[in-house]
């Protein structure tokens, strides 16, 4: 897909209309955000701000992913422990049943 197709937007009649060219759009946004600078300086500052914002977002998402990984590991450990407890209980139950059967033999 062409980049220009990605930048198109539909108007009310369903036909694609061209947005402002990307470079002019970026310069417009940059000059509005940094009005005291010329176009190139404002664009540089704007792009630097965008990178900083993206790094913050990435950092937050990475922390969230790490939190989810730790929680998944904790839950896996809990499930493993419950599985072991169930296995131990089943073994103890079988031993108890055998002991009950042995004691019933003495009473008969």
N, C-alpha and C. Protein backbone atom coordinates (compact mmCIF):
# COMPACT_ATOMS: atom_id res chain seq x y z
N UNK A 1 0.85 -1.17 0.00
CA UNK A 1 0.00 0.00 0.00
C UNK A 1 0.89 1.24 0.00
N UNK A 2 0.56 2.21 -0.81
CA UNK A 2 1.34 3.43 -0.89
C UNK A 2 1.12 4.29 0.35
N UNK A 3 2.16 5.05 0.69
CA UNK A 3 2.07 5.93 1.85
C UNK A 3 0.98 6.96 1.66
N UNK A 4 0.85 7.46 0.45
CA UNK A 4 -0.19 8.47 0.21
C UNK A 4 -1.58 7.88 0.47
N UNK A 5 -1.76 6.58 0.20
CA UNK A 5 -3.05 5.96 0.48
C UNK A 5 -3.32 5.92 1.97
N UNK A 6 -2.27 5.74 2.75
CA UNK A 6 -2.45 5.74 4.20
C UNK A 6 -2.82 7.12 4.73
N UNK A 7 -2.39 8.15 4.02
CA UNK A 7 -2.65 9.52 4.48
C UNK A 7 -3.98 10.06 3.98
N UNK A 8 -4.62 9.33 3.10
CA UNK A 8 -5.92 9.79 2.59
C UNK A 8 -7.00 9.60 3.63
N UNK A 9 -8.01 10.41 3.50
CA UNK A 9 -9.15 10.26 4.39
C UNK A 9 -10.40 10.45 3.55
N UNK A 10 -11.48 9.81 3.93
CA UNK A 10 -12.71 9.87 3.14
C UNK A 10 -13.49 11.14 3.48
N UNK A 11 -14.04 11.77 2.45
CA UNK A 11 -14.92 12.91 2.69
C UNK A 11 -16.36 12.41 2.78
N UNK A 12 -17.30 13.33 2.89
CA UNK A 12 -18.71 12.95 3.08
C UNK A 12 -19.27 12.13 1.93
N UNK A 13 -18.78 12.33 0.72
CA UNK A 13 -19.31 11.59 -0.43
C UNK A 13 -18.61 10.24 -0.62
N UNK A 14 -17.73 9.85 0.30
CA UNK A 14 -17.07 8.56 0.23
C UNK A 14 -15.84 8.55 -0.64
N UNK A 15 -15.44 9.69 -1.15
CA UNK A 15 -14.24 9.74 -1.98
C UNK A 15 -13.06 10.17 -1.13
N UNK A 16 -11.90 9.65 -1.50
CA UNK A 16 -10.70 9.98 -0.74
C UNK A 16 -10.28 11.41 -1.05
N UNK A 17 -9.92 12.14 0.01
CA UNK A 17 -9.37 13.47 -0.21
C UNK A 17 -7.98 13.48 0.41
N UNK A 18 -7.12 14.20 -0.17
CA UNK A 18 -5.73 14.21 0.28
C UNK A 18 -5.58 15.16 1.47
N UNK A 19 -4.98 14.65 2.52
CA UNK A 19 -4.65 15.51 3.66
C UNK A 19 -3.48 16.40 3.27
N UNK A 20 -3.12 17.28 4.17
CA UNK A 20 -1.95 18.11 3.97
C UNK A 20 -0.75 17.17 3.78
N UNK A 21 0.17 17.47 2.87
CA UNK A 21 1.35 16.61 2.72
C UNK A 21 2.04 16.43 4.06
N UNK A 22 2.59 15.26 4.27
CA UNK A 22 3.14 14.90 5.57
C UNK A 22 4.20 15.88 6.06
N UNK A 23 5.11 16.27 5.18
CA UNK A 23 6.17 17.18 5.62
C UNK A 23 5.61 18.53 6.05
N UNK A 24 4.63 19.05 5.30
CA UNK A 24 4.02 20.34 5.67
C UNK A 24 3.21 20.20 6.95
N UNK A 25 2.55 19.06 7.11
CA UNK A 25 1.77 18.80 8.32
C UNK A 25 2.69 18.78 9.54
N UNK A 26 3.82 18.08 9.43
CA UNK A 26 4.77 18.02 10.54
C UNK A 26 5.33 19.40 10.87
N UNK A 27 5.69 20.14 9.85
CA UNK A 27 6.22 21.49 10.09
C UNK A 27 5.16 22.37 10.73
N UNK A 28 3.92 22.26 10.27
CA UNK A 28 2.81 23.03 10.86
C UNK A 28 2.67 22.71 12.35
N UNK A 29 2.65 21.41 12.67
CA UNK A 29 2.52 21.01 14.08
C UNK A 29 3.73 21.49 14.88
N UNK A 30 4.92 21.37 14.30
CA UNK A 30 6.14 21.77 15.00
C UNK A 30 6.15 23.26 15.27
N UNK A 31 5.77 24.06 14.30
CA UNK A 31 5.77 25.52 14.48
C UNK A 31 4.72 25.95 15.49
N UNK A 32 3.60 25.23 15.55
CA UNK A 32 2.59 25.54 16.57
C UNK A 32 3.07 25.16 17.96
N UNK A 33 3.82 24.08 18.06
CA UNK A 33 4.31 23.64 19.36
C UNK A 33 5.50 24.49 19.82
N UNK A 34 6.33 24.93 18.86
CA UNK A 34 7.53 25.73 19.16
C UNK A 34 7.52 27.00 18.31
N UNK A 35 6.66 27.94 18.64
CA UNK A 35 6.47 29.11 17.78
C UNK A 35 7.68 30.05 17.70
N UNK A 36 8.58 30.01 18.63
CA UNK A 36 9.71 30.94 18.62
C UNK A 36 10.87 30.49 17.75
N UNK A 37 10.75 29.37 17.07
CA UNK A 37 11.85 28.81 16.30
C UNK A 37 11.50 28.79 14.82
N UNK A 38 12.56 28.75 13.96
CA UNK A 38 12.28 28.61 12.53
C UNK A 38 11.80 27.18 12.25
N UNK A 39 11.37 26.92 11.03
CA UNK A 39 10.73 25.65 10.69
C UNK A 39 11.61 24.44 10.99
N UNK A 40 12.87 24.52 10.60
CA UNK A 40 13.75 23.37 10.78
C UNK A 40 14.06 23.11 12.26
N UNK A 41 14.29 24.18 13.01
CA UNK A 41 14.54 24.02 14.44
C UNK A 41 13.30 23.49 15.14
N UNK A 42 12.15 24.03 14.79
CA UNK A 42 10.90 23.58 15.41
C UNK A 42 10.64 22.12 15.07
N UNK A 43 10.92 21.74 13.82
CA UNK A 43 10.73 20.35 13.41
C UNK A 43 11.65 19.42 14.19
N UNK A 44 12.90 19.84 14.37
CA UNK A 44 13.85 19.03 15.14
C UNK A 44 13.36 18.87 16.58
N UNK A 45 12.93 19.96 17.19
CA UNK A 45 12.43 19.89 18.57
C UNK A 45 11.16 19.05 18.65
N UNK A 46 10.31 19.19 17.66
CA UNK A 46 9.06 18.41 17.62
C UNK A 46 9.36 16.92 17.53
N UNK A 47 10.27 16.56 16.63
CA UNK A 47 10.63 15.14 16.47
C UNK A 47 11.28 14.60 17.74
N UNK A 48 12.13 15.41 18.37
CA UNK A 48 12.76 14.99 19.63
C UNK A 48 11.69 14.75 20.70
N UNK A 49 10.69 15.63 20.75
CA UNK A 49 9.60 15.47 21.72
C UNK A 49 8.82 14.19 21.43
N UNK A 50 8.57 13.92 20.14
CA UNK A 50 7.84 12.70 19.76
C UNK A 50 8.62 11.46 20.19
N UNK A 51 9.94 11.49 20.00
CA UNK A 51 10.78 10.35 20.40
C UNK A 51 10.73 10.17 21.91
N UNK A 52 10.82 11.26 22.65
CA UNK A 52 10.74 11.17 24.11
C UNK A 52 9.40 10.59 24.55
N UNK A 53 8.33 11.06 23.96
CA UNK A 53 7.00 10.56 24.31
C UNK A 53 6.89 9.07 23.99
N UNK A 54 7.45 8.66 22.84
CA UNK A 54 7.40 7.25 22.46
C UNK A 54 8.23 6.40 23.43
N UNK A 55 9.39 6.92 23.86
CA UNK A 55 10.22 6.19 24.81
C UNK A 55 9.49 6.02 26.14
N UNK A 56 8.78 7.05 26.58
CA UNK A 56 8.00 6.95 27.82
C UNK A 56 6.91 5.89 27.67
N UNK A 57 6.23 5.91 26.53
CA UNK A 57 5.18 4.91 26.28
C UNK A 57 5.77 3.51 26.26
N UNK A 58 6.89 3.35 25.56
CA UNK A 58 7.54 2.04 25.49
C UNK A 58 7.96 1.56 26.87
N UNK A 59 8.51 2.46 27.66
CA UNK A 59 8.95 2.11 29.01
C UNK A 59 7.78 1.66 29.87
N UNK A 60 6.69 2.40 29.78
CA UNK A 60 5.49 2.03 30.55
C UNK A 60 4.95 0.68 30.11
N UNK A 61 4.92 0.46 28.80
CA UNK A 61 4.43 -0.83 28.29
C UNK A 61 5.35 -1.97 28.70
N UNK A 62 6.67 -1.74 28.68
CA UNK A 62 7.61 -2.77 29.10
C UNK A 62 7.44 -3.12 30.58
N UNK A 63 7.21 -2.10 31.40
CA UNK A 63 6.97 -2.35 32.82
C UNK A 63 5.70 -3.17 33.02
N UNK A 64 4.68 -2.84 32.26
CA UNK A 64 3.42 -3.58 32.34
C UNK A 64 3.61 -5.03 31.89
N UNK A 65 4.36 -5.24 30.82
CA UNK A 65 4.64 -6.59 30.34
C UNK A 65 5.41 -7.37 31.40
N UNK A 66 6.42 -6.74 32.01
CA UNK A 66 7.19 -7.41 33.06
C UNK A 66 6.31 -7.77 34.25
N UNK A 67 5.40 -6.87 34.61
CA UNK A 67 4.47 -7.15 35.71
C UNK A 67 3.60 -8.35 35.38
N UNK A 68 3.11 -8.41 34.14
CA UNK A 68 2.28 -9.54 33.72
C UNK A 68 3.08 -10.85 33.72
N UNK A 69 4.33 -10.78 33.29
CA UNK A 69 5.17 -11.98 33.28
C UNK A 69 5.37 -12.49 34.71
N UNK A 70 5.67 -11.57 35.63
CA UNK A 70 5.86 -11.99 37.03
C UNK A 70 4.58 -12.59 37.61
N UNK A 71 3.45 -11.99 37.28
CA UNK A 71 2.17 -12.50 37.78
C UNK A 71 1.88 -13.88 37.18
N UNK A 72 2.19 -14.06 35.90
CA UNK A 72 2.00 -15.38 35.28
C UNK A 72 2.89 -16.43 35.93
N UNK A 73 4.13 -16.07 36.22
CA UNK A 73 5.04 -17.00 36.89
C UNK A 73 4.51 -17.35 38.28
N UNK A 74 4.01 -16.35 38.99
CA UNK A 74 3.46 -16.60 40.33
C UNK A 74 2.25 -17.54 40.25
N UNK A 75 1.37 -17.28 39.28
CA UNK A 75 0.19 -18.14 39.13
C UNK A 75 0.58 -19.56 38.72
N UNK A 76 1.60 -19.69 37.86
CA UNK A 76 2.08 -21.03 37.49
C UNK A 76 2.59 -21.76 38.71
N UNK A 77 3.30 -21.05 39.57
CA UNK A 77 3.83 -21.65 40.80
C UNK A 77 2.69 -22.09 41.71
N UNK A 78 1.66 -21.26 41.84
CA UNK A 78 0.50 -21.61 42.66
C UNK A 78 -0.19 -22.86 42.10
N UNK A 79 -0.34 -22.90 40.78
CA UNK A 79 -0.99 -24.06 40.15
C UNK A 79 -0.15 -25.32 40.37
N UNK A 80 1.16 -25.19 40.22
CA UNK A 80 2.05 -26.34 40.46
C UNK A 80 1.93 -26.82 41.90
N UNK A 81 1.89 -25.88 42.85
CA UNK A 81 1.76 -26.24 44.26
C UNK A 81 0.42 -26.93 44.53
N UNK A 82 -0.64 -26.41 43.93
CA UNK A 82 -1.95 -27.05 44.11
C UNK A 82 -1.97 -28.45 43.50
N UNK A 83 -1.31 -28.60 42.36
CA UNK A 83 -1.22 -29.93 41.74
C UNK A 83 -0.49 -30.90 42.64
N UNK A 84 0.58 -30.45 43.25
CA UNK A 84 1.34 -31.32 44.17
C UNK A 84 0.51 -31.65 45.40
N UNK A 85 -0.21 -30.65 45.94
CA UNK A 85 -1.07 -30.91 47.10
C UNK A 85 -2.17 -31.90 46.75
N UNK A 86 -2.75 -31.78 45.57
CA UNK A 86 -3.78 -32.71 45.13
C UNK A 86 -3.22 -34.12 45.00
N UNK A 87 -2.04 -34.21 44.42
CA UNK A 87 -1.39 -35.52 44.28
C UNK A 87 -1.11 -36.13 45.65
N UNK A 88 -0.61 -35.33 46.58
CA UNK A 88 -0.34 -35.82 47.94
C UNK A 88 -1.63 -36.26 48.61
N UNK A 89 -2.71 -35.48 48.42
CA UNK A 89 -3.99 -35.82 49.02
C UNK A 89 -4.52 -37.14 48.45
N UNK A 90 -4.42 -37.31 47.13
CA UNK A 90 -4.88 -38.54 46.51
C UNK A 90 -4.10 -39.74 47.03
N UNK A 91 -2.79 -39.57 47.18
CA UNK A 91 -1.97 -40.66 47.71
C UNK A 91 -2.36 -40.97 49.15
N UNK A 92 -2.56 -39.95 49.96
CA UNK A 92 -2.96 -40.15 51.35
C UNK A 92 -4.34 -40.79 51.42
N UNK A 93 -5.23 -40.38 50.53
CA UNK A 93 -6.57 -40.96 50.49
C UNK A 93 -6.51 -42.44 50.14
N UNK A 94 -5.68 -42.79 49.17
CA UNK A 94 -5.53 -44.20 48.80
C UNK A 94 -4.96 -45.01 49.97
N UNK A 95 -3.98 -44.46 50.67
CA UNK A 95 -3.40 -45.15 51.83
C UNK A 95 -4.44 -45.32 52.93
N UNK A 96 -5.27 -44.29 53.14
CA UNK A 96 -6.33 -44.36 54.15
C UNK A 96 -7.35 -45.43 53.78
N UNK A 97 -7.72 -45.46 52.49
CA UNK A 97 -8.67 -46.50 52.03
C UNK A 97 -8.10 -47.90 52.26
N UNK A 98 -6.83 -48.08 51.99
CA UNK A 98 -6.19 -49.39 52.22
C UNK A 98 -6.21 -49.74 53.70
N UNK A 99 -5.93 -48.76 54.53
CA UNK A 99 -5.93 -49.00 55.98
C UNK A 99 -7.33 -49.34 56.47
N UNK A 100 -8.34 -48.65 55.93
CA UNK A 100 -9.73 -48.93 56.31
C UNK A 100 -10.08 -50.36 55.90
N UNK A 101 -9.70 -50.77 54.70
CA UNK A 101 -9.98 -52.13 54.24
C UNK A 101 -9.27 -53.15 55.12
N UNK A 102 -8.06 -52.87 55.53
CA UNK A 102 -7.31 -53.78 56.39
C UNK A 102 -7.99 -53.91 57.76
N UNK A 103 -8.45 -52.77 58.29
CA UNK A 103 -9.11 -52.80 59.60
C UNK A 103 -10.46 -53.51 59.51
N UNK A 104 -11.17 -53.38 58.39
CA UNK A 104 -12.45 -54.08 58.21
C UNK A 104 -12.25 -55.59 58.23
N UNK A 105 -11.14 -56.06 57.72
CA UNK A 105 -10.84 -57.48 57.71
C UNK A 105 -10.72 -58.04 59.12
N UNK A 106 -10.14 -57.23 60.01
CA UNK A 106 -10.00 -57.68 61.40
C UNK A 106 -11.35 -57.77 62.10
N UNK A 107 -12.29 -56.88 61.74
CA UNK A 107 -13.60 -56.87 62.39
C UNK A 107 -14.50 -57.98 61.87
N UNK A 108 -14.22 -58.50 60.69
CA UNK A 108 -15.07 -59.55 60.14
C UNK A 108 -14.80 -60.88 60.73
